Amino acid sequence: MREFVRPVASALSVACLAASMAILSAGDVLAQAKQAQSAQAAPAQPPAVKQMSLTEKQIEGVLAAQKEMDAITAKLPEDAKPDPKITAQLDGIAKKNGFAGYDEYNDVIDNISLVLGGFDPATKKYVGSDVVIKAQIAQVQADKKMSAKDKKEALADLNEALKSPAPPIENKGNIDVVAKYYDKLAAALGDDQE
């Protein structure tokens, strides 16, 4: 079952990375930096995002399906094997919300997350994932409350994330459609990582 959860988890970590600009404490910085590192430290690199043009209908479908999908995937252990019953449930939820199946739902989540990873949460403007990561690095460096150990670890994780930047957005229209739903998407997808 991990093959079903991994694409969602890795995609959501990108969204969480974008949301981390609003970091308030040292613990949050370290936790989010570790999420970025764990998404990239997987032994086998996940396949590249299959970029596609996003529609408002797809984004609304993701927002409608998210809680129900999370209710199922949150219960799965990390090393869960594919289970036909779970697969059927996930496909059913995806189809009920306008997708051909769970695979298409995952492709849409990946594309949304790719775009969200480049949004500055303070301005809600698309600036690119490398700019977001550099801003996070500056925040960590300026944090006087963070322990030296935590700061070193967070900076190492963020610098590692900077070495593997997200691919450029092929469908520039995706930026506009994600921007329109930014608040709802950040709330729905960002909460999954906490």
C-alpha atoms as a PDB file:
ATOM      1  CA  MET A   1       0.000   0.000   0.000  1.00  0.00           C
ATOM      2  CA  ARG A   2       2.995   2.252   0.459  1.00  0.00           C
ATOM      3  CA  GLU A   3       3.108   2.719  -3.318  1.00  0.00           C
ATOM      4  CA  PHE A   4      -0.242   4.463  -3.027  1.00  0.00           C
ATOM      5  CA  VAL A   5       0.697   6.623  -0.054  1.00  0.00           C
ATOM      6  CA  ARG A   6       4.224   7.601  -1.136  1.00  0.00           C
ATOM      7  CA  PRO A   7       3.199   9.835  -4.083  1.00  0.00           C
ATOM      8  CA  VAL A   8       0.745  11.703  -1.882  1.00  0.00           C
ATOM      9  CA  ALA A   9       3.233  12.000   0.982  1.00  0.00           C
ATOM     10  CA  SER A  10       6.042  13.258  -1.237  1.00  0.00           C
ATOM     11  CA  ALA A  11       3.759  15.694  -2.994  1.00  0.00           C
ATOM     12  CA  LEU A  12       2.367  16.994   0.241  1.00  0.00           C
ATOM     13  CA  SER A  13       5.828  17.515   1.647  1.00  0.00           C
ATOM     14  CA  VAL A  14       6.419  20.019  -1.135  1.00  0.00           C
ATOM     15  CA  ALA A  15       3.239  21.839  -0.142  1.00  0.00           C
ATOM     16  CA  CYS A  16       4.324  21.763   3.468  1.00  0.00           C
ATOM     17  CA  LEU A  17       7.681  23.176   2.476  1.00  0.00           C
ATOM     18  CA  ALA A  18       5.907  26.152   0.928  1.00  0.00           C
ATOM     19  CA  ALA A  19       3.791  26.646   4.025  1.00  0.00           C
ATOM     20  CA  SER A  20       6.845  26.642   6.270  1.00  0.00           C
ATOM     21  CA  MET A  21       7.649  30.288   5.508  1.00  0.00           C
ATOM     22  CA  ALA A  22       5.371  31.103   8.424  1.00  0.00           C
ATOM     23  CA  ILE A  23       7.641  29.298  10.872  1.00  0.00           C
ATOM     24  CA  LEU A  24       7.226  30.453  14.438  1.00  0.00           C
ATOM     25  CA  SER A  25       9.485  28.233  16.499  1.00  0.00           C
ATOM     26  CA  ALA A  26      12.715  26.277  16.286  1.00  0.00           C
ATOM     27  CA  GLY A  27      10.827  23.000  16.552  1.00  0.00           C
ATOM     28  CA  ASP A  28       8.710  23.861  13.540  1.00  0.00           C
ATOM     29  CA  VAL A  29      11.767  24.748  11.463  1.00  0.00           C
ATOM     30  CA  LEU A  30      13.509  21.518  12.332  1.00  0.00           C
ATOM     31  CA  ALA A  31      10.423  19.389  11.752  1.00  0.00           C
ATOM     32  CA  GLN A  32       9.743  20.918   8.358  1.00  0.00           C
ATOM     33  CA  ALA A  33      13.366  20.723   7.300  1.00  0.00           C
ATOM     34  CA  LYS A  34      13.351  17.041   8.237  1.00  0.00           C
ATOM     35  CA  GLN A  35      10.208  16.547   6.126  1.00  0.00           C
ATOM     36  CA  ALA A  36      11.975  18.066   3.129  1.00  0.00           C
ATOM     37  CA  GLN A  37      14.995  15.861   3.715  1.00  0.00           C
ATOM     38  CA  SER A  38      12.987  12.682   4.264  1.00  0.00           C
ATOM     39  CA  ALA A  39      11.090  13.275   1.033  1.00  0.00           C
ATOM     40  CA  GLN A  40      14.398  13.479  -0.815  1.00  0.00           C
ATOM     41  CA  ALA A  41      16.315  10.886   1.197  1.00  0.00           C
ATOM     42  CA  ALA A  42      14.145   7.990   0.067  1.00  0.00           C
ATOM     43  CA  PRO A  43      16.353   5.190  -1.253  1.00  0.00           C
ATOM     44  CA  ALA A  44      14.613   5.145  -4.618  1.00  0.00           C
ATOM     45  CA  GLN A  45      13.834   8.538  -6.130  1.00  0.00           C
ATOM     46  CA  PRO A  46      10.137   8.870  -6.904  1.00  0.00           C
ATOM     47  CA  PRO A  47       9.387   9.260 -10.581  1.00  0.00           C
ATOM     48  CA  ALA A  48       9.349  12.781 -11.957  1.00  0.00           C
ATOM     49  CA  VAL A  49       6.035  14.573 -11.749  1.00  0.00           C
ATOM     50  CA  LYS A  50       3.963  14.020 -14.859  1.00  0.00           C
ATOM     51  CA  GLN A  51       3.092  17.664 -15.468  1.00  0.00           C
ATOM     52  CA  MET A  52      -0.357  18.467 -16.793  1.00  0.00           C
ATOM     53  CA  SER A  53      -2.645  21.465 -17.152  1.00  0.00           C
ATOM     54  CA  LEU A  54      -4.782  21.833 -14.052  1.00  0.00           C
ATOM     55  CA  THR A  55      -8.421  22.843 -14.143  1.00  0.00           C
ATOM     56  CA  GLU A  56     -10.574  24.432 -11.478  1.00  0.00           C
ATOM     57  CA  LYS A  57     -12.733  21.289 -11.536  1.00  0.00           C
ATOM     58  CA  GLN A  58      -9.687  19.161 -10.646  1.00  0.00           C
ATOM     59  CA  ILE A  59      -8.689  21.476  -7.797  1.00  0.00           C
ATOM     60  CA  GLU A  60     -12.224  21.483  -6.451  1.00  0.00           C
ATOM     61  CA  GLY A  61     -12.215  17.669  -6.714  1.00  0.00           C
ATOM     62  CA  VAL A  62      -9.002  17.460  -4.683  1.00  0.00           C
ATOM     63  CA  LEU A  63     -10.409  19.787  -2.038  1.00  0.00           C
ATOM     64  CA  ALA A  64     -13.616  17.742  -1.850  1.00  0.00           C
ATOM     65  CA  ALA A  65     -11.792  14.386  -1.668  1.00  0.00           C
ATOM     66  CA  GLN A  66      -8.928  15.320   0.639  1.00  0.00           C
ATOM     67  CA  LYS A  67     -10.500  14.645   4.052  1.00  0.00           C
ATOM     68  CA  GLU A  68     -11.944  11.320   2.947  1.00  0.00           C
ATOM     69  CA  MET A  69      -8.641  10.252   1.353  1.00  0.00           C
ATOM     70  CA  ASP A  70      -6.706  11.288   4.458  1.00  0.00           C
ATOM     71  CA  ALA A  71      -9.050   9.303   6.696  1.00  0.00           C
ATOM     72  CA  ILE A  72      -8.061   6.140   4.835  1.00  0.00           C
ATOM     73  CA  THR A  73      -4.364   6.778   4.205  1.00  0.00           C
ATOM     74  CA  ALA A  74      -3.690   8.040   7.749  1.00  0.00           C
ATOM     75  CA  LYS A  75      -4.585   4.615   9.129  1.00  0.00           C
ATOM     76  CA  LEU A  76      -2.130   2.770   6.889  1.00  0.00           C
ATOM     77  CA  PRO A  77       1.200   1.679   8.322  1.00  0.00           C
ATOM     78  CA  GLU A  78       4.358   2.950   6.589  1.00  0.00           C
ATOM     79  CA  ASP A  79       5.184  -0.458   5.136  1.00  0.00           C
ATOM     80  CA  ALA A  80       1.644  -1.483   4.183  1.00  0.00           C
ATOM     81  CA  LYS A  81       1.332  -3.802   1.222  1.00  0.00           C
ATOM     82  CA  PRO A  82      -1.170  -3.008  -1.547  1.00  0.00           C
ATOM     83  CA  ASP A  83      -4.602  -4.124  -0.438  1.00  0.00           C
ATOM     84  CA  PRO A  84      -7.315  -4.495  -3.106  1.00  0.00           C
ATOM     85  CA  LYS A  85      -9.989  -3.313  -0.643  1.00  0.00           C
ATOM     86  CA  ILE A  86      -8.067  -0.121   0.178  1.00  0.00           C
ATOM     87  CA  THR A  87      -7.255   0.431  -3.483  1.00  0.00           C
ATOM     88  CA  ALA A  88     -10.942   0.097  -4.342  1.00  0.00           C
ATOM     89  CA  GLN A  89     -11.878   2.578  -1.586  1.00  0.00           C
ATOM     90  CA  LEU A  90      -9.333   5.136  -2.814  1.00  0.00           C
ATOM     91  CA  ASP A  91     -10.436   4.677  -6.428  1.00  0.00           C
ATOM     92  CA  GLY A  92     -14.070   5.073  -5.348  1.00  0.00           C
ATOM     93  CA  ILE A  93     -13.379   8.345  -3.546  1.00  0.00           C
ATOM     94  CA  ALA A  94     -11.392   9.636  -6.524  1.00  0.00           C
ATOM     95  CA  LYS A  95     -14.166   8.699  -8.978  1.00  0.00           C
ATOM     96  CA  LYS A  96     -16.840  10.236  -6.731  1.00  0.00           C
ATOM     97  CA  ASN A  97     -14.909  13.511  -6.922  1.00  0.00           C
ATOM     98  CA  GLY A  98     -14.478  13.643 -10.694  1.00  0.00           C
ATOM     99  CA  PHE A  99     -11.261  11.694 -11.302  1.00  0.00           C
ATOM    100  CA  ALA A 100     -10.791   8.628 -13.481  1.00  0.00           C
ATOM    101  CA  GLY A 101      -9.246   6.907 -10.463  1.00  0.00           C
ATOM    102  CA  TYR A 102      -6.717   7.206  -7.677  1.00  0.00           C
ATOM    103  CA  ASP A 103      -3.797   7.457 -10.118  1.00  0.00           C
ATOM    104  CA  GLU A 104      -5.250  10.553 -11.775  1.00  0.00           C
ATOM    105  CA  TYR A 105      -6.004  12.035  -8.351  1.00  0.00           C
ATOM    106  CA  ASN A 106      -2.325  11.529  -7.404  1.00  0.00           C
ATOM    107  CA  ASP A 107      -1.158  13.159 -10.650  1.00  0.00           C
ATOM    108  CA  VAL A 108      -3.284  16.217  -9.873  1.00  0.00           C
ATOM    109  CA  ILE A 109      -2.004  16.349  -6.267  1.00  0.00           C
ATOM    110  CA  ASP A 110       1.578  16.151  -7.563  1.00  0.00           C
ATOM    111  CA  ASN A 111       0.988  19.048  -9.961  1.00  0.00           C
ATOM    112  CA  ILE A 112      -0.722  21.179  -7.321  1.00  0.00           C
ATOM    113  CA  SER A 113       2.108  20.496  -4.874  1.00  0.00           C
ATOM    114  CA  LEU A 114       4.743  21.311  -7.463  1.00  0.00           C
ATOM    115  CA  VAL A 115       3.182  24.746  -7.900  1.00  0.00           C
ATOM    116  CA  LEU A 116       2.457  25.295  -4.177  1.00  0.00           C
ATOM    117  CA  GLY A 117       6.105  24.629  -3.390  1.00  0.00           C
ATOM    118  CA  GLY A 118       6.996  27.836  -5.214  1.00  0.00           C
ATOM    119  CA  PHE A 119       4.503  30.127  -3.461  1.00  0.00           C
ATOM    120  CA  ASP A 120       5.614  32.628  -0.848  1.00  0.00           C
ATOM    121  CA  PRO A 121       2.995  32.129   1.873  1.00  0.00           C
ATOM    122  CA  ALA A 122       3.384  35.696   3.114  1.00  0.00           C
ATOM    123  CA  THR A 123       2.603  37.346  -0.222  1.00  0.00           C
ATOM    124  CA  LYS A 124       0.706  34.417  -1.777  1.00  0.00           C
ATOM    125  CA  LYS A 125       2.677  35.032  -4.966  1.00  0.00           C
ATOM    126  CA  TYR A 126       4.552  32.443  -6.985  1.00  0.00           C
ATOM    127  CA  VAL A 127       8.300  33.032  -6.625  1.00  0.00           C
ATOM    128  CA  GLY A 128       9.730  29.559  -7.315  1.00  0.00           C
ATOM    129  CA  SER A 129      10.725  26.770  -4.924  1.00  0.00           C
ATOM    130  CA  ASP A 130      14.387  27.789  -4.790  1.00  0.00           C
ATOM    131  CA  VAL A 131      13.426  31.289  -3.599  1.00  0.00           C
ATOM    132  CA  VAL A 132      11.142  29.769  -0.940  1.00  0.00           C
ATOM    133  CA  ILE A 133      13.933  27.479   0.317  1.00  0.00           C
ATOM    134  CA  LYS A 134      16.459  30.344   0.362  1.00  0.00           C
ATOM    135  CA  ALA A 135      14.013  32.402   2.442  1.00  0.00           C
ATOM    136  CA  GLN A 136      13.648  29.483   4.852  1.00  0.00           C
ATOM    137  CA  ILE A 137      17.433  29.266   5.133  1.00  0.00           C
ATOM    138  CA  ALA A 138      17.583  32.977   5.980  1.00  0.00           C
ATOM    139  CA  GLN A 139      14.868  32.507   8.616  1.00  0.00           C
ATOM    140  CA  VAL A 140      16.759  29.650  10.244  1.00  0.00           C
ATOM    141  CA  GLN A 141      20.010  31.610  10.218  1.00  0.00           C
ATOM    142  CA  ALA A 142      18.292  34.591  11.856  1.00  0.00           C
ATOM    143  CA  ASP A 143      16.493  32.512  14.516  1.00  0.00           C
ATOM    144  CA  LYS A 144      18.112  33.357  17.867  1.00  0.00           C
ATOM    145  CA  LYS A 145      15.952  30.894  19.840  1.00  0.00           C
ATOM    146  CA  MET A 146      17.001  27.789  17.906  1.00  0.00           C
ATOM    147  CA  SER A 147      19.718  25.629  19.423  1.00  0.00           C
ATOM    148  CA  ALA A 148      22.982  25.397  17.496  1.00  0.00           C
ATOM    149  CA  LYS A 149      22.436  21.673  16.912  1.00  0.00           C
ATOM    150  CA  ASP A 150      18.895  22.154  15.587  1.00  0.00           C
ATOM    151  CA  LYS A 151      19.987  25.093  13.450  1.00  0.00           C
ATOM    152  CA  LYS A 152      22.848  23.091  11.924  1.00  0.00           C
ATOM    153  CA  GLU A 153      20.530  20.168  11.193  1.00  0.00           C
ATOM    154  CA  ALA A 154      17.804  22.371   9.706  1.00  0.00           C
ATOM    155  CA  LEU A 155      20.296  24.248   7.521  1.00  0.00           C
ATOM    156  CA  ALA A 156      21.796  20.990   6.277  1.00  0.00           C
ATOM    157  CA  ASP A 157      18.330  19.707   5.384  1.00  0.00           C
ATOM    158  CA  LEU A 158      17.326  22.924   3.634  1.00  0.00           C
ATOM    159  CA  ASN A 159      20.617  23.144   1.725  1.00  0.00           C
ATOM    160  CA  GLU A 160      20.111  19.554   0.600  1.00  0.00           C
ATOM    161  CA  ALA A 161      16.607  20.466  -0.591  1.00  0.00           C
ATOM    162  CA  LEU A 162      18.103  23.412  -2.480  1.00  0.00           C
ATOM    163  CA  LYS A 163      20.427  21.034  -4.344  1.00  0.00           C
ATOM    164  CA  SER A 164      17.417  19.164  -5.740  1.00  0.00           C
ATOM    165  CA  PRO A 165      15.170  21.958  -6.953  1.00  0.00           C
ATOM    166  CA  ALA A 166      11.707  21.266  -8.252  1.00  0.00           C
ATOM    167  CA  PRO A 167      11.419  21.111 -12.025  1.00  0.00           C
ATOM    168  CA  PRO A 168      10.217  24.247 -13.782  1.00  0.00           C
ATOM    169  CA  ILE A 169       6.466  24.598 -14.150  1.00  0.00           C
ATOM    170  CA  GLU A 170       5.660  23.583 -17.730  1.00  0.00           C
ATOM    171  CA  ASN A 171       2.044  24.772 -17.644  1.00  0.00           C
ATOM    172  CA  LYS A 172       2.184  28.402 -16.517  1.00  0.00           C
ATOM    173  CA  GLY A 173      -1.628  28.493 -16.280  1.00  0.00           C
ATOM    174  CA  ASN A 174      -1.323  26.137 -13.286  1.00  0.00           C
ATOM    175  CA  ILE A 175       0.175  28.984 -11.267  1.00  0.00           C
ATOM    176  CA  ASP A 176      -2.940  31.118 -11.788  1.00  0.00           C
ATOM    177  CA  VAL A 177      -5.417  28.360 -10.975  1.00  0.00           C
ATOM    178  CA  VAL A 178      -3.495  27.326  -7.835  1.00  0.00           C
ATOM    179  CA  ALA A 179      -3.214  30.991  -6.803  1.00  0.00           C
ATOM    180  CA  LYS A 180      -7.000  31.308  -7.021  1.00  0.00           C
ATOM    181  CA  TYR A 181      -7.402  28.426  -4.543  1.00  0.00           C
ATOM    182  CA  TYR A 182      -4.184  29.049  -2.588  1.00  0.00           C
ATOM    183  CA  ASP A 183      -5.702  29.482   0.890  1.00  0.00           C
ATOM    184  CA  LYS A 184      -7.922  26.412   0.616  1.00  0.00           C
ATOM    185  CA  LEU A 185      -5.139  24.269  -0.862  1.00  0.00           C
ATOM    186  CA  ALA A 186      -2.559  25.356   1.711  1.00  0.00           C
ATOM    187  CA  ALA A 187      -5.014  24.553   4.512  1.00  0.00           C
ATOM    188  CA  ALA A 188      -6.082  21.196   3.057  1.00  0.00           C
ATOM    189  CA  LEU A 189      -2.685  19.946   1.953  1.00  0.00           C
ATOM    190  CA  GLY A 190      -0.505  21.639   4.556  1.00  0.00           C
ATOM    191  CA  ASP A 191      -2.410  20.184   7.534  1.00  0.00           C
ATOM    192  CA  ASP A 192      -1.578  16.662   6.382  1.00  0.00           C
ATOM    193  CA  GLN A 193       2.038  17.095   7.334  1.00  0.00           C
ATOM    194  CA  GLU A 194       1.511  18.231  10.916  1.00  0.00           C
END
